[in-house]
Amino acid sequence: MTLDLREELSIGSDDDERQAFYGPPQLAVDYPGRFFVLDSGNSRLQIFDRDAKYVRTIGRPGQGPGDLNRPSSVEVGADGVILVFQPPSRLSLFDRDGRFQKVIDFLPAPQSLIRLGDSGFLGSVIQSGPEVSRDQAVLFDAQGRQARTLAAFENENLFSFVGSEIIGIYQPFKPHLWCVSLPEGRAAFAFSKDYRIHVLDRSGQTVRIIIKDEEPERITDGEKERAIDNEVGLRRNRRLSVSRDEVKRTMLFPKNRPFFWGLFSDDRSRIYVLKSGDYRKDGFMNYDVFDPRGIYIKKIRIAVTGRMLPKLIRDGCLYAVAVDEEGLFSIKKYSISNWNELVN
């Protein structure tokens, strides 16, 4: 099934400072339909109403109460509380009107963080070693203290060296621990080296594990070449002199690509799993869809129009982050014309 998308609105413009996002924005949408656009490069949170009209700005660069310092994610609870995570360990909470409430500092420092129930959090924590690291799904209490480790996964370090310089930091095929919010304060996590999705209730207890039995796929030579080109491009942009031959000779790859490259959910507690694949070749992003009971429903496809990444589905609409050829970032809302085919 291919989703039939019709663009309804777009937020993002070089002509309006309130819509000029520096770097890829992050997105949350509350149930009245307001947009919460986290503009990390400008250390601010921009709020727009359901019709994309500007409402207010939360935060400014700094370390004080209510300030934001290169935030990485935003979430809005059913109670209207706005949560903004700032690596390595700081979570700022605001009420539904944008008034600052408090800061929670987390230990150990999580890579990502989402709210779980009314008084807990699910985070991904990485413990690095010389050859392998451990990606951990951790349950934190309301004060940001580690309550318990839910699962731990060994992950190969794929750092390569040219002399004393590390390359391959942005290794696209390294498995990743993904966490996703679900309605009613629940959550799920999955490590992409294995096709197993752990679904949690509000208290952090595992209520089911979704397993899909399929064989891993080998990374193609073309995918490796594009990863090398991307690494070289990143270094040229930073004026770092590492030749393509040096990168190609030393950059490490695992045998297989991860099973998936991300998760998102909809307001009916379905989980959408972004399958790994060559989007440039196929022209589509492919997702496995699971219902609230963990039963596989079907595969859906979303056409790759430019560079666009779906973030969530609400009320039959898909919300995504996009970037055009000139590097302008925007938020897109699409109606799904054939939504009833997926619902039914």
C-alpha atoms as a PDB file:
ATOM      1  CA  MET A   1       0.000   0.000   0.000  1.00  0.00           C
ATOM      2  CA  THR A   2       1.362   3.417  -0.985  1.00  0.00           C
ATOM      3  CA  LEU A   3       0.142   6.371   1.078  1.00  0.00           C
ATOM      4  CA  ASP A   4      -1.562   8.976  -1.093  1.00  0.00           C
ATOM      5  CA  LEU A   5      -0.317  12.266   0.375  1.00  0.00           C
ATOM      6  CA  ARG A   6      -1.693  15.750  -0.257  1.00  0.00           C
ATOM      7  CA  GLU A   7       0.251  18.663   1.230  1.00  0.00           C
ATOM      8  CA  GLU A   8      -1.981  20.798   3.464  1.00  0.00           C
ATOM      9  CA  LEU A   9       0.498  23.277   4.884  1.00  0.00           C
ATOM     10  CA  SER A  10       4.173  24.056   5.332  1.00  0.00           C
ATOM     11  CA  ILE A  11       6.098  25.930   8.036  1.00  0.00           C
ATOM     12  CA  GLY A  12       9.518  27.244   7.071  1.00  0.00           C
ATOM     13  CA  SER A  13      10.667  30.376   5.260  1.00  0.00           C
ATOM     14  CA  ASP A  14      13.796  32.459   4.794  1.00  0.00           C
ATOM     15  CA  ASP A  15      11.555  35.528   4.576  1.00  0.00           C
ATOM     16  CA  ASP A  16      10.134  35.144   8.089  1.00  0.00           C
ATOM     17  CA  GLU A  17      12.647  34.971  10.959  1.00  0.00           C
ATOM     18  CA  ARG A  18      10.121  33.061  13.060  1.00  0.00           C
ATOM     19  CA  GLN A  19      10.108  30.289  10.457  1.00  0.00           C
ATOM     20  CA  ALA A  20      13.821  30.288   9.615  1.00  0.00           C
ATOM     21  CA  PHE A  21      15.176  27.086  11.159  1.00  0.00           C
ATOM     22  CA  TYR A  22      18.914  26.643  11.558  1.00  0.00           C
ATOM     23  CA  GLY A  23      19.543  22.937  11.036  1.00  0.00           C
ATOM     24  CA  PRO A  24      17.031  20.063  11.000  1.00  0.00           C
ATOM     25  CA  PRO A  25      14.117  20.918  13.328  1.00  0.00           C
ATOM     26  CA  GLN A  26      12.409  18.447  15.652  1.00  0.00           C
ATOM     27  CA  LEU A  27       8.639  18.272  15.887  1.00  0.00           C
ATOM     28  CA  ALA A  28       5.812  17.520  18.290  1.00  0.00           C
ATOM     29  CA  VAL A  29       2.077  18.015  17.744  1.00  0.00           C
ATOM     30  CA  ASP A  30      -0.443  18.229  20.578  1.00  0.00           C
ATOM     31  CA  TYR A  31      -4.029  17.011  20.354  1.00  0.00           C
ATOM     32  CA  PRO A  32      -5.495  20.480  19.576  1.00  0.00           C
ATOM     33  CA  GLY A  33      -3.164  20.314  16.567  1.00  0.00           C
ATOM     34  CA  ARG A  34      -0.571  22.922  17.540  1.00  0.00           C
ATOM     35  CA  PHE A  35       2.943  22.562  16.114  1.00  0.00           C
ATOM     36  CA  PHE A  36       5.940  22.599  18.466  1.00  0.00           C
ATOM     37  CA  VAL A  37       8.997  23.106  16.270  1.00  0.00           C
ATOM     38  CA  LEU A  38      12.330  22.740  18.037  1.00  0.00           C
ATOM     39  CA  ASP A  39      14.863  24.957  16.270  1.00  0.00           C
ATOM     40  CA  SER A  40      18.016  23.511  17.802  1.00  0.00           C
ATOM     41  CA  GLY A  41      20.477  25.709  15.921  1.00  0.00           C
ATOM     42  CA  ASN A  42      18.792  28.825  17.304  1.00  0.00           C
ATOM     43  CA  SER A  43      18.183  27.268  20.754  1.00  0.00           C
ATOM     44  CA  ARG A  44      14.472  28.001  20.727  1.00  0.00           C
ATOM     45  CA  LEU A  45      11.077  26.314  20.515  1.00  0.00           C
ATOM     46  CA  GLN A  46       8.612  27.855  18.046  1.00  0.00           C
ATOM     47  CA  ILE A  47       4.893  27.242  18.581  1.00  0.00           C
ATOM     48  CA  PHE A  48       2.370  27.542  15.735  1.00  0.00           C
ATOM     49  CA  ASP A  49      -1.376  26.945  15.819  1.00  0.00           C
ATOM     50  CA  ARG A  50      -3.103  24.240  13.769  1.00  0.00           C
ATOM     51  CA  ASP A  51      -3.265  26.652  10.801  1.00  0.00           C
ATOM     52  CA  ALA A  52       0.502  27.310  10.966  1.00  0.00           C
ATOM     53  CA  LYS A  53       0.114  30.812  12.441  1.00  0.00           C
ATOM     54  CA  TYR A  54       2.906  31.813  14.802  1.00  0.00           C
ATOM     55  CA  VAL A  55       1.919  31.788  18.486  1.00  0.00           C
ATOM     56  CA  ARG A  56       5.038  32.257  20.613  1.00  0.00           C
ATOM     57  CA  THR A  57       8.696  31.424  21.174  1.00  0.00           C
ATOM     58  CA  ILE A  58       9.921  29.465  24.193  1.00  0.00           C
ATOM     59  CA  GLY A  59      13.527  29.705  25.308  1.00  0.00           C
ATOM     60  CA  ARG A  60      16.658  31.523  24.240  1.00  0.00           C
ATOM     61  CA  PRO A  61      20.350  30.562  24.175  1.00  0.00           C
ATOM     62  CA  GLY A  62      21.782  30.233  27.653  1.00  0.00           C
ATOM     63  CA  GLN A  63      22.089  28.144  30.808  1.00  0.00           C
ATOM     64  CA  GLY A  64      19.580  29.915  33.052  1.00  0.00           C
ATOM     65  CA  PRO A  65      16.041  28.845  34.040  1.00  0.00           C
ATOM     66  CA  GLY A  66      13.960  28.513  30.891  1.00  0.00           C
ATOM     67  CA  ASP A  67      16.969  28.956  28.599  1.00  0.00           C
ATOM     68  CA  LEU A  68      17.776  26.350  25.971  1.00  0.00           C
ATOM     69  CA  ASN A  69      21.227  25.207  24.913  1.00  0.00           C
ATOM     70  CA  ARG A  70      21.289  23.243  21.632  1.00  0.00           C
ATOM     71  CA  PRO A  71      18.185  21.179  22.496  1.00  0.00           C
ATOM     72  CA  SER A  72      17.712  17.889  20.663  1.00  0.00           C
ATOM     73  CA  SER A  73      14.095  16.763  21.192  1.00  0.00           C
ATOM     74  CA  VAL A  74      10.657  18.022  22.183  1.00  0.00           C
ATOM     75  CA  GLU A  75       7.619  16.195  23.506  1.00  0.00           C
ATOM     76  CA  VAL A  76       4.173  17.352  24.603  1.00  0.00           C
ATOM     77  CA  GLY A  77       2.270  15.267  27.144  1.00  0.00           C
ATOM     78  CA  ALA A  78      -1.472  14.658  27.197  1.00  0.00           C
ATOM     79  CA  ASP A  79      -1.579  17.092  30.141  1.00  0.00           C
ATOM     80  CA  GLY A  80      -0.055  19.831  27.959  1.00  0.00           C
ATOM     81  CA  VAL A  81       3.352  19.812  29.666  1.00  0.00           C
ATOM     82  CA  ILE A  82       6.128  20.621  27.188  1.00  0.00           C
ATOM     83  CA  LEU A  83       9.401  18.730  27.631  1.00  0.00           C
ATOM     84  CA  VAL A  84      12.602  19.854  25.926  1.00  0.00           C
ATOM     85  CA  PHE A  85      15.728  17.699  26.215  1.00  0.00           C
ATOM     86  CA  GLN A  86      19.180  19.306  26.069  1.00  0.00           C
ATOM     87  CA  PRO A  87      22.144  16.930  25.895  1.00  0.00           C
ATOM     88  CA  PRO A  88      23.953  15.704  27.721  1.00  0.00           C
ATOM     89  CA  SER A  89      21.568  15.466  30.680  1.00  0.00           C
ATOM     90  CA  ARG A  90      19.130  18.372  31.052  1.00  0.00           C
ATOM     91  CA  LEU A  91      15.337  18.285  30.630  1.00  0.00           C
ATOM     92  CA  SER A  92      13.385  21.573  30.799  1.00  0.00           C
ATOM     93  CA  LEU A  93       9.654  21.494  31.538  1.00  0.00           C
ATOM     94  CA  PHE A  94       7.159  24.214  30.540  1.00  0.00           C
ATOM     95  CA  ASP A  95       3.404  24.426  31.038  1.00  0.00           C
ATOM     96  CA  ARG A  96       0.976  24.493  28.097  1.00  0.00           C
ATOM     97  CA  ASP A  97       1.317  28.292  27.864  1.00  0.00           C
ATOM     98  CA  GLY A  98       5.102  28.157  27.692  1.00  0.00           C
ATOM     99  CA  ARG A  99       5.835  29.210  31.277  1.00  0.00           C
ATOM    100  CA  PHE A 100       8.979  27.612  32.665  1.00  0.00           C
ATOM    101  CA  GLN A 101       8.365  25.049  35.432  1.00  0.00           C
ATOM    102  CA  LYS A 102      11.591  23.260  36.304  1.00  0.00           C
ATOM    103  CA  VAL A 103      14.736  21.472  35.165  1.00  0.00           C
ATOM    104  CA  ILE A 104      15.548  17.809  35.727  1.00  0.00           C
ATOM    105  CA  ASP A 105      19.167  16.626  35.447  1.00  0.00           C
ATOM    106  CA  PHE A 106      19.665  12.973  34.548  1.00  0.00           C
ATOM    107  CA  LEU A 107      22.358  10.544  35.645  1.00  0.00           C
ATOM    108  CA  PRO A 108      23.678   8.664  33.744  1.00  0.00           C
ATOM    109  CA  ALA A 109      23.372  11.030  30.790  1.00  0.00           C
ATOM    110  CA  PRO A 110      20.967   9.670  28.157  1.00  0.00           C
ATOM    111  CA  GLN A 111      21.353  10.011  24.396  1.00  0.00           C
ATOM    112  CA  SER A 112      17.588  10.429  24.023  1.00  0.00           C
ATOM    113  CA  LEU A 113      14.686  10.744  26.433  1.00  0.00           C
ATOM    114  CA  ILE A 114      10.903  10.397  26.356  1.00  0.00           C
ATOM    115  CA  ARG A 115       8.252  10.665  29.032  1.00  0.00           C
ATOM    116  CA  LEU A 116       6.729   7.490  30.451  1.00  0.00           C
ATOM    117  CA  GLY A 117       3.495   7.779  32.448  1.00  0.00           C
ATOM    118  CA  ASP A 118       3.212  10.696  34.853  1.00  0.00           C
ATOM    119  CA  SER A 119       6.420  10.257  36.809  1.00  0.00           C
ATOM    120  CA  GLY A 120       9.022   8.372  34.799  1.00  0.00           C
ATOM    121  CA  PHE A 121      11.156   8.507  31.680  1.00  0.00           C
ATOM    122  CA  LEU A 122      12.597   6.090  29.140  1.00  0.00           C
ATOM    123  CA  GLY A 123      16.095   6.888  27.957  1.00  0.00           C
ATOM    124  CA  SER A 124      18.809   5.363  25.783  1.00  0.00           C
ATOM    125  CA  VAL A 125      22.245   5.319  27.428  1.00  0.00           C
ATOM    126  CA  ILE A 126      25.523   4.361  25.760  1.00  0.00           C
ATOM    127  CA  GLN A 127      28.436   2.900  27.740  1.00  0.00           C
ATOM    128  CA  SER A 128      31.492   3.094  25.490  1.00  0.00           C
ATOM    129  CA  GLY A 129      34.418   0.693  25.610  1.00  0.00           C
ATOM    130  CA  PRO A 130      37.602   0.356  23.521  1.00  0.00           C
ATOM    131  CA  GLU A 131      36.117  -2.197  21.093  1.00  0.00           C
ATOM    132  CA  VAL A 132      32.411  -2.495  21.883  1.00  0.00           C
ATOM    133  CA  SER A 133      29.813  -0.300  23.480  1.00  0.00           C
ATOM    134  CA  ARG A 134      26.598  -1.147  25.285  1.00  0.00           C
ATOM    135  CA  ASP A 135      23.368   0.525  24.253  1.00  0.00           C
ATOM    136  CA  GLN A 136      20.998   0.436  27.218  1.00  0.00           C
ATOM    137  CA  ALA A 137      17.284   1.134  27.560  1.00  0.00           C
ATOM    138  CA  VAL A 138      17.036   2.756  30.993  1.00  0.00           C
ATOM    139  CA  LEU A 139      14.067   3.631  33.176  1.00  0.00           C
ATOM    140  CA  PHE A 140      14.517   6.921  35.073  1.00  0.00           C
ATOM    141  CA  ASP A 141      12.414   8.180  37.975  1.00  0.00           C
ATOM    142  CA  ALA A 142      10.843  11.634  38.272  1.00  0.00           C
ATOM    143  CA  GLN A 143      14.088  13.082  39.716  1.00  0.00           C
ATOM    144  CA  GLY A 144      16.200  11.841  36.790  1.00  0.00           C
ATOM    145  CA  ARG A 145      17.817   8.993  38.702  1.00  0.00           C
ATOM    146  CA  GLN A 146      18.301   5.602  37.109  1.00  0.00           C
ATOM    147  CA  ALA A 147      15.642   3.240  38.437  1.00  0.00           C
ATOM    148  CA  ARG A 148      16.646   0.153  36.453  1.00  0.00           C
ATOM    149  CA  THR A 149      18.076  -1.044  33.165  1.00  0.00           C
ATOM    150  CA  LEU A 150      15.388  -2.593  30.985  1.00  0.00           C
ATOM    151  CA  ALA A 151      17.703  -4.090  28.354  1.00  0.00           C
ATOM    152  CA  ALA A 152      21.307  -3.846  27.162  1.00  0.00           C
ATOM    153  CA  PHE A 153      22.708  -4.517  23.692  1.00  0.00           C
ATOM    154  CA  GLU A 154      26.328  -4.922  22.641  1.00  0.00           C
ATOM    155  CA  ASN A 155      27.268  -2.700  19.718  1.00  0.00           C
ATOM    156  CA  GLU A 156      30.483  -2.876  17.714  1.00  0.00           C
ATOM    157  CA  ASN A 157      32.549   0.296  17.593  1.00  0.00           C
ATOM    158  CA  LEU A 158      33.101   1.099  13.921  1.00  0.00           C
ATOM    159  CA  PHE A 159      35.521   3.985  14.343  1.00  0.00           C
ATOM    160  CA  SER A 160      38.317   4.033  11.790  1.00  0.00           C
ATOM    161  CA  PHE A 161      41.519   6.056  11.878  1.00  0.00           C
ATOM    162  CA  VAL A 162      43.627   8.019   9.424  1.00  0.00           C
ATOM    163  CA  GLY A 163      46.706   8.686  11.527  1.00  0.00           C
ATOM    164  CA  SER A 164      45.328   9.919  14.836  1.00  0.00           C
ATOM    165  CA  GLU A 165      42.075  11.209  13.329  1.00  0.00           C
ATOM    166  CA  ILE A 166      38.834   9.269  13.763  1.00  0.00           C
ATOM    167  CA  ILE A 167      36.673   8.856  10.651  1.00  0.00           C
ATOM    168  CA  GLY A 168      33.360   7.065  10.177  1.00  0.00           C
ATOM    169  CA  ILE A 169      31.756   8.817  13.149  1.00  0.00           C
ATOM    170  CA  TYR A 170      28.527   9.137  11.158  1.00  0.00           C
ATOM    171  CA  GLN A 171      28.519   5.445  10.234  1.00  0.00           C
ATOM    172  CA  PRO A 172      25.054   4.970   8.709  1.00  0.00           C
ATOM    173  CA  PHE A 173      24.967   1.201   9.157  1.00  0.00           C
ATOM    174  CA  LYS A 174      25.740   1.031  12.854  1.00  0.00           C
ATOM    175  CA  PRO A 175      22.783  -0.422  14.816  1.00  0.00           C
ATOM    176  CA  HIS A 176      20.911   2.082  16.952  1.00  0.00           C
ATOM    177  CA  LEU A 177      18.620   1.932  19.975  1.00  0.00           C
ATOM    178  CA  TRP A 178      15.348   3.640  19.056  1.00  0.00           C
ATOM    179  CA  CYS A 179      12.683   4.813  21.505  1.00  0.00           C
ATOM    180  CA  VAL A 180       9.187   5.976  20.592  1.00  0.00           C
ATOM    181  CA  SER A 181       6.292   7.485  22.554  1.00  0.00           C
ATOM    182  CA  LEU A 182       2.884   5.830  22.412  1.00  0.00           C
ATOM    183  CA  PRO A 183      -0.497   7.251  23.469  1.00  0.00           C
ATOM    184  CA  GLU A 184      -1.587   7.197  27.126  1.00  0.00           C
ATOM    185  CA  GLY A 185       1.943   7.619  28.468  1.00  0.00           C
ATOM    186  CA  ARG A 186       3.280   4.342  27.113  1.00  0.00           C
ATOM    187  CA  ALA A 187       6.429   3.760  25.061  1.00  0.00           C
ATOM    188  CA  ALA A 188       8.438   1.255  23.063  1.00  0.00           C
ATOM    189  CA  PHE A 189      12.092   0.654  22.247  1.00  0.00           C
ATOM    190  CA  ALA A 190      14.001  -1.492  19.776  1.00  0.00           C
ATOM    191  CA  PHE A 191      17.639  -2.166  18.889  1.00  0.00           C
ATOM    192  CA  SER A 192      17.973  -2.261  15.116  1.00  0.00           C
ATOM    193  CA  LYS A 193      20.424  -5.154  14.982  1.00  0.00           C
ATOM    194  CA  ASP A 194      17.519  -7.432  15.965  1.00  0.00           C
ATOM    195  CA  TYR A 195      13.892  -7.164  14.874  1.00  0.00           C
ATOM    196  CA  ARG A 196      12.424  -7.095  18.384  1.00  0.00           C
ATOM    197  CA  ILE A 197      10.255  -4.227  19.656  1.00  0.00           C
ATOM    198  CA  HIS A 198       9.700  -3.978  23.421  1.00  0.00           C
ATOM    199  CA  VAL A 199       6.368  -2.327  24.296  1.00  0.00           C
ATOM    200  CA  LEU A 200       6.083  -0.780  27.775  1.00  0.00           C
ATOM    201  CA  ASP A 201       3.145   0.270  29.912  1.00  0.00           C
ATOM    202  CA  ARG A 202       3.035   3.551  31.847  1.00  0.00           C
ATOM    203  CA  SER A 203       5.121   2.120  34.687  1.00  0.00           C
ATOM    204  CA  GLY A 204       7.889   0.808  32.430  1.00  0.00           C
ATOM    205  CA  GLN A 205       6.861  -2.840  32.556  1.00  0.00           C
ATOM    206  CA  THR A 206       7.217  -4.824  29.329  1.00  0.00           C
ATOM    207  CA  VAL A 207       3.744  -5.856  28.193  1.00  0.00           C
ATOM    208  CA  ARG A 208       4.758  -7.442  24.894  1.00  0.00           C
ATOM    209  CA  ILE A 209       7.690  -8.037  22.574  1.00  0.00           C
ATOM    210  CA  ILE A 210       7.037  -7.785  18.849  1.00  0.00           C
ATOM    211  CA  ILE A 211       9.251 -10.123  16.795  1.00  0.00           C
ATOM    212  CA  LYS A 212       9.387 -10.246  13.005  1.00  0.00           C
ATOM    213  CA  ASP A 213      11.292 -13.177  11.584  1.00  0.00           C
ATOM    214  CA  GLU A 214      13.380 -12.144   8.598  1.00  0.00           C
ATOM    215  CA  GLU A 215      16.937 -12.524   7.408  1.00  0.00           C
ATOM    216  CA  PRO A 216      19.373  -9.582   7.571  1.00  0.00           C
ATOM    217  CA  GLU A 217      20.451  -8.033   4.280  1.00  0.00           C
ATOM    218  CA  ARG A 218      24.042  -7.447   3.211  1.00  0.00           C
ATOM    219  CA  ILE A 219      25.238  -3.898   2.639  1.00  0.00           C
ATOM    220  CA  THR A 220      25.736  -3.301  -1.077  1.00  0.00           C
ATOM    221  CA  ASP A 221      28.900  -1.885  -2.619  1.00  0.00           C
ATOM    222  CA  GLY A 222      26.882   1.090  -3.834  1.00  0.00           C
ATOM    223  CA  GLU A 223      25.716   1.866  -0.299  1.00  0.00           C
ATOM    224  CA  LYS A 224      29.291   1.702   0.950  1.00  0.00           C
ATOM    225  CA  GLU A 225      30.461   4.071  -1.794  1.00  0.00           C
ATOM    226  CA  ARG A 226      27.738   6.600  -0.900  1.00  0.00           C
ATOM    227  CA  ALA A 227      28.648   6.377   2.795  1.00  0.00           C
ATOM    228  CA  ILE A 228      32.283   7.082   1.916  1.00  0.00           C
ATOM    229  CA  ASP A 229      31.271  10.043  -0.273  1.00  0.00           C
ATOM    230  CA  ASN A 230      29.141  11.404   2.568  1.00  0.00           C
ATOM    231  CA  GLU A 231      32.053  11.139   5.015  1.00  0.00           C
ATOM    232  CA  VAL A 232      34.360  12.940   2.584  1.00  0.00           C
ATOM    233  CA  GLY A 233      31.755  15.666   2.034  1.00  0.00           C
ATOM    234  CA  LEU A 234      31.307  16.205   5.767  1.00  0.00           C
ATOM    235  CA  ARG A 235      35.045  16.639   6.202  1.00  0.00           C
ATOM    236  CA  ARG A 236      35.366  19.049   3.298  1.00  0.00           C
ATOM    237  CA  ASN A 237      32.610  21.179   4.799  1.00  0.00           C
ATOM    238  CA  ARG A 238      34.673  21.330   7.977  1.00  0.00           C
ATOM    239  CA  ARG A 239      37.866  21.992   6.032  1.00  0.00           C
ATOM    240  CA  LEU A 240      39.435  18.718   7.164  1.00  0.00           C
ATOM    241  CA  SER A 241      41.902  17.261   4.690  1.00  0.00           C
ATOM    242  CA  VAL A 242      41.275  13.527   4.404  1.00  0.00           C
ATOM    243  CA  SER A 243      41.317  12.117   0.862  1.00  0.00           C
ATOM    244  CA  ARG A 244      38.625   9.812  -0.464  1.00  0.00           C
ATOM    245  CA  ASP A 245      41.195   7.024  -0.956  1.00  0.00           C
ATOM    246  CA  GLU A 246      42.181   7.258   2.710  1.00  0.00           C
ATOM    247  CA  VAL A 247      38.559   7.133   3.833  1.00  0.00           C
ATOM    248  CA  LYS A 248      37.775   4.207   1.512  1.00  0.00           C
ATOM    249  CA  ARG A 249      40.828   2.263   2.667  1.00  0.00           C
ATOM    250  CA  THR A 250      40.137   2.608   6.383  1.00  0.00           C
ATOM    251  CA  MET A 251      36.378   3.024   6.883  1.00  0.00           C
ATOM    252  CA  LEU A 252      34.819  -0.003   8.571  1.00  0.00           C
ATOM    253  CA  PHE A 253      31.406  -1.510   7.824  1.00  0.00           C
ATOM    254  CA  PRO A 254      29.414  -4.309   9.475  1.00  0.00           C
ATOM    255  CA  LYS A 255      28.403  -7.266   7.312  1.00  0.00           C
ATOM    256  CA  ASN A 256      24.693  -6.495   7.376  1.00  0.00           C
ATOM    257  CA  ARG A 257      22.606  -3.358   7.420  1.00  0.00           C
ATOM    258  CA  PRO A 258      20.319  -2.815  10.426  1.00  0.00           C
ATOM    259  CA  PHE A 259      16.783  -4.152  10.117  1.00  0.00           C
ATOM    260  CA  PHE A 260      15.348  -0.649  10.426  1.00  0.00           C
ATOM    261  CA  TRP A 261      16.283   3.024  10.595  1.00  0.00           C
ATOM    262  CA  GLY A 262      13.671   4.418  12.930  1.00  0.00           C
ATOM    263  CA  LEU A 263      10.250   4.173  14.539  1.00  0.00           C
ATOM    264  CA  PHE A 264       7.254   6.451  14.825  1.00  0.00           C
ATOM    265  CA  SER A 265       3.669   6.010  16.012  1.00  0.00           C
ATOM    266  CA  ASP A 266       0.157   7.274  15.390  1.00  0.00           C
ATOM    267  CA  ASP A 267      -2.704   8.261  17.677  1.00  0.00           C
ATOM    268  CA  ARG A 268      -4.135   4.728  17.510  1.00  0.00           C
ATOM    269  CA  SER A 269      -1.001   3.179  19.066  1.00  0.00           C
ATOM    270  CA  ARG A 270       0.203   1.654  15.825  1.00  0.00           C
ATOM    271  CA  ILE A 271       3.962   1.437  15.405  1.00  0.00           C
ATOM    272  CA  TYR A 272       5.607   2.226  12.062  1.00  0.00           C
ATOM    273  CA  VAL A 273       9.042   0.688  11.466  1.00  0.00           C
ATOM    274  CA  LEU A 274      11.198   2.353   8.794  1.00  0.00           C
ATOM    275  CA  LYS A 275      12.903  -0.506   6.967  1.00  0.00           C
ATOM    276  CA  SER A 276      16.500   0.003   5.921  1.00  0.00           C
ATOM    277  CA  GLY A 277      16.968   0.249   2.185  1.00  0.00           C
ATOM    278  CA  ASP A 278      18.252   2.273  -0.736  1.00  0.00           C
ATOM    279  CA  TYR A 279      15.714   5.116  -1.016  1.00  0.00           C
ATOM    280  CA  ARG A 280      17.562   6.810  -3.867  1.00  0.00           C
ATOM    281  CA  LYS A 281      17.239   3.665  -5.952  1.00  0.00           C
ATOM    282  CA  ASP A 282      13.704   2.650  -4.990  1.00  0.00           C
ATOM    283  CA  GLY A 283      12.125   6.094  -4.641  1.00  0.00           C
ATOM    284  CA  PHE A 284      10.129   4.973  -1.604  1.00  0.00           C
ATOM    285  CA  MET A 285      10.503   4.632   2.137  1.00  0.00           C
ATOM    286  CA  ASN A 286       9.081   1.301   3.272  1.00  0.00           C
ATOM    287  CA  TYR A 287       7.452   0.786   6.664  1.00  0.00           C
ATOM    288  CA  ASP A 288       6.192  -2.267   8.529  1.00  0.00           C
ATOM    289  CA  VAL A 289       3.032  -1.410  10.484  1.00  0.00           C
ATOM    290  CA  PHE A 290       1.974  -3.153  13.707  1.00  0.00           C
ATOM    291  CA  ASP A 291      -1.347  -2.745  15.509  1.00  0.00           C
ATOM    292  CA  PRO A 292      -1.665  -2.074  19.289  1.00  0.00           C
ATOM    293  CA  ARG A 293      -1.619  -5.836  19.972  1.00  0.00           C
ATOM    294  CA  GLY A 294       1.709  -6.176  18.172  1.00  0.00           C
ATOM    295  CA  ILE A 295       0.191  -7.918  15.154  1.00  0.00           C
ATOM    296  CA  TYR A 296       1.741  -7.134  11.782  1.00  0.00           C
ATOM    297  CA  ILE A 297      -0.811  -5.307   9.599  1.00  0.00           C
ATOM    298  CA  LYS A 298       0.894  -4.551   6.301  1.00  0.00           C
ATOM    299  CA  LYS A 299       3.757  -2.796   4.584  1.00  0.00           C
ATOM    300  CA  ILE A 300       3.204   0.774   3.489  1.00  0.00           C
ATOM    301  CA  ARG A 301       5.270   2.933   1.153  1.00  0.00           C
ATOM    302  CA  ILE A 302       5.841   6.671   1.236  1.00  0.00           C
ATOM    303  CA  ALA A 303       7.210   8.319  -1.886  1.00  0.00           C
ATOM    304  CA  VAL A 304      10.517  10.115  -1.403  1.00  0.00           C
ATOM    305  CA  THR A 305       9.834  13.644  -2.623  1.00  0.00           C
ATOM    306  CA  GLY A 306      13.125  15.443  -2.158  1.00  0.00           C
ATOM    307  CA  ARG A 307      14.474  14.908   1.346  1.00  0.00           C
ATOM    308  CA  MET A 308      11.599  14.265   3.714  1.00  0.00           C
ATOM    309  CA  LEU A 309      11.382  12.249   6.934  1.00  0.00           C
ATOM    310  CA  PRO A 310       7.979  11.354   8.447  1.00  0.00           C
ATOM    311  CA  LYS A 311       7.743  12.015  12.194  1.00  0.00           C
ATOM    312  CA  LEU A 312       4.193  11.076  13.265  1.00  0.00           C
ATOM    313  CA  ILE A 313       0.596  10.528  12.178  1.00  0.00           C
ATOM    314  CA  ARG A 314      -2.357  12.282  13.853  1.00  0.00           C
ATOM    315  CA  ASP A 315      -6.025  12.280  12.778  1.00  0.00           C
ATOM    316  CA  GLY A 316      -5.271  10.831   9.371  1.00  0.00           C
ATOM    317  CA  CYS A 317      -2.481  13.322   8.616  1.00  0.00           C
ATOM    318  CA  LEU A 318       1.239  12.711   8.279  1.00  0.00           C
ATOM    319  CA  TYR A 319       3.702  15.258   9.705  1.00  0.00           C
ATOM    320  CA  ALA A 320       7.261  15.373   8.412  1.00  0.00           C
ATOM    321  CA  VAL A 321      10.506  17.347   8.407  1.00  0.00           C
ATOM    322  CA  ALA A 322      11.747  18.309   4.939  1.00  0.00           C
ATOM    323  CA  VAL A 323      14.678  20.146   3.364  1.00  0.00           C
ATOM    324  CA  ASP A 324      14.778  21.560  -0.160  1.00  0.00           C
ATOM    325  CA  GLU A 325      17.681  21.757  -2.624  1.00  0.00           C
ATOM    326  CA  GLU A 326      18.776  25.119  -1.202  1.00  0.00           C
ATOM    327  CA  GLY A 327      18.975  23.732   2.328  1.00  0.00           C
ATOM    328  CA  LEU A 328      15.761  25.345   3.636  1.00  0.00           C
ATOM    329  CA  PHE A 329      14.221  23.246   6.399  1.00  0.00           C
ATOM    330  CA  SER A 330      10.463  23.067   6.827  1.00  0.00           C
ATOM    331  CA  ILE A 331       7.667  21.218   8.574  1.00  0.00           C
ATOM    332  CA  LYS A 332       5.079  19.593   6.316  1.00  0.00           C
ATOM    333  CA  LYS A 333       1.557  18.399   7.049  1.00  0.00           C
ATOM    334  CA  TYR A 334      -0.017  15.996   4.564  1.00  0.00           C
ATOM    335  CA  SER A 335      -3.525  14.598   4.505  1.00  0.00           C
ATOM    336  CA  ILE A 336      -3.607  10.868   3.704  1.00  0.00           C
ATOM    337  CA  SER A 337      -6.311  10.401   1.060  1.00  0.00           C
ATOM    338  CA  ASN A 338      -6.395   6.615   1.416  1.00  0.00           C
ATOM    339  CA  TRP A 339      -6.163   6.619   5.219  1.00  0.00           C
ATOM    340  CA  ASN A 340      -9.276   4.426   5.584  1.00  0.00           C
ATOM    341  CA  GLU A 341      -7.506   1.587   3.773  1.00  0.00           C
ATOM    342  CA  LEU A 342      -4.938   1.510   6.561  1.00  0.00           C
ATOM    343  CA  VAL A 343      -7.447   2.053   9.373  1.00  0.00           C
ATOM    344  CA  ASN A 344      -9.697  -0.756   8.163  1.00  0.00           C
END
